[in-house]
Amino acid sequence: MELKDTIDLMNSSDYKDRFKAEYWQVKIRLEKLRKMIAKWQAGTLGFTPSCSLELLKEQVEPMQNYLDTLEVRAEMEGISV
């Protein structure tokens, strides 16, 4: 799934669909961040970010925590993500 694939879910009047969109958007962004970090560490990134590698690594933990929280909430609310 790509970010563009979440548009219909985001625009839904059903909160469960909007929740799914939020979940997938965070998951997709976190996966892309991890890939970017891996490429930077391997020397294959193709550009130099204006922030430090350490800052990007710090960003991973709160994003993962948020994703974990969304997964717990989905389970509690019976939302299939």
Protein backbone atom coordinates (compact mmCIF):
# COMPACT_ATOMS: atom_id res chain seq x y z
CA MET A 1 0.00 0.00 0.00
CA GLU A 2 1.11 3.56 -0.73
CA LEU A 3 0.05 6.83 0.85
CA LYS A 4 -2.13 7.64 -2.15
CA ASP A 5 -4.07 4.43 -1.50
CA THR A 6 -5.31 5.86 1.82
CA ILE A 7 -7.12 8.86 0.33
CA ASP A 8 -10.55 7.25 0.12
CA LEU A 9 -10.23 5.94 3.67
CA MET A 10 -9.20 9.38 4.92
CA ASN A 11 -12.23 11.00 3.28
CA SER A 12 -14.70 8.44 4.61
CA SER A 13 -17.48 9.43 6.97
CA ASP A 14 -16.81 6.20 8.93
CA TYR A 15 -14.33 6.74 11.75
CA LYS A 16 -13.07 3.18 11.37
CA ASP A 17 -12.01 3.90 7.80
CA ARG A 18 -10.30 7.12 8.89
CA PHE A 19 -8.57 5.16 11.66
CA LYS A 20 -7.31 2.63 9.08
CA ALA A 21 -6.00 5.47 6.93
CA GLU A 22 -4.14 6.95 9.88
CA TYR A 23 -2.69 3.55 10.78
CA TRP A 24 -1.50 2.86 7.23
CA GLN A 25 -0.07 6.36 6.80
CA VAL A 26 2.05 6.01 9.94
CA LYS A 27 3.10 2.47 8.98
CA ILE A 28 4.10 3.51 5.45
CA ARG A 29 6.03 6.55 6.67
CA LEU A 30 7.83 4.50 9.33
CA GLU A 31 8.86 1.86 6.78
CA LYS A 32 10.14 4.57 4.43
CA LEU A 33 12.09 6.21 7.25
CA ARG A 34 13.71 2.90 8.17
CA LYS A 35 14.66 2.28 4.52
CA MET A 36 16.11 5.77 4.27
CA ILE A 37 18.21 5.23 7.40
CA ALA A 38 19.45 1.88 6.08
CA LYS A 39 20.41 3.40 2.73
CA TRP A 40 22.19 6.30 4.45
CA GLN A 41 24.16 3.88 6.61
CA ALA A 42 25.03 1.79 3.53
CA GLY A 43 26.15 4.88 1.63
CA THR A 44 23.51 4.42 -1.07
CA LEU A 45 21.04 7.17 -0.18
CA GLY A 46 21.66 9.40 -3.20
CA PHE A 47 21.27 12.67 -1.29
CA THR A 48 22.38 14.13 2.01
CA PRO A 49 19.56 15.05 4.38
CA SER A 50 19.83 18.40 6.11
CA CYS A 51 19.32 16.76 9.52
CA SER A 52 21.59 14.25 11.22
CA LEU A 53 21.33 10.49 11.00
CA GLU A 54 21.00 10.43 14.77
CA LEU A 55 17.91 12.66 14.63
CA LEU A 56 16.28 10.38 12.07
CA LYS A 57 17.04 7.38 14.26
CA GLU A 58 15.45 9.19 17.23
CA GLN A 59 12.32 9.73 15.16
CA VAL A 60 11.81 5.98 14.68
CA GLU A 61 11.00 5.21 18.33
CA PRO A 62 8.07 7.61 18.82
CA MET A 63 6.66 6.63 15.44
CA GLN A 64 6.87 2.95 16.38
CA ASN A 65 5.29 3.66 19.76
CA TYR A 66 2.42 5.48 18.05
CA LEU A 67 1.94 2.60 15.62
CA ASP A 68 1.93 0.14 18.52
CA THR A 69 -0.70 2.26 20.28
CA LEU A 70 -2.86 2.33 17.17
CA GLU A 71 -2.60 -1.47 16.93
CA VAL A 72 -3.74 -1.88 20.55
CA ARG A 73 -6.61 0.54 19.99
CA ALA A 74 -7.61 -1.28 16.79
CA GLU A 75 -7.74 -4.56 18.70
CA MET A 76 -9.82 -3.01 21.48
CA GLU A 77 -12.24 -1.38 19.06
CA GLY A 78 -12.51 -4.36 16.72
CA ILE A 79 -10.97 -2.54 13.75
CA SER A 80 -9.18 -4.75 11.27
CA VAL A 81 -6.03 -3.05 10.05
